[in-house]
Amino acid sequence: MGQDPIQWEKDTLEKMTRLFCRAKHRRQNPCPQCRELITYARQRLDACRYGAQKPPCERCHIHCYKPIMRDRVKQVMRYAGPRMVIYYPLDALRHLVKKNAKV
């Protein structure tokens, strides 16, 4: 868990988006729409005013994603979240611990 929290979130979101795209868009590598989402999310995470102390996005009072992109991320997370336990169990465990930690 020594990795920078922002970088960890970027990596996790990319893993989730790749799982989603592989299943839903039948692409081995992310399609243009999914690449756009990954790039957008990385930019938003880079600009997060909380930095390393950022809360989980769902608990944040600042909604920095455009509504359309927030909906796309939710779609990805709904699909890929449960599957992370199979493909990336340590990342899934860390996410659950962080999500349920007191902010």
Foldseek 3Di string as FASTA:
>chain_A
DPDQPLVLVLVVLLVLLCVVCCPPVVDNHHDPVSVVLSVVSNVCSVVDPCGSNDAPQVPDPDNPDDVVSVVVSVVSCVVRLVVCCVVPVVSNVVVVCRNPDDD
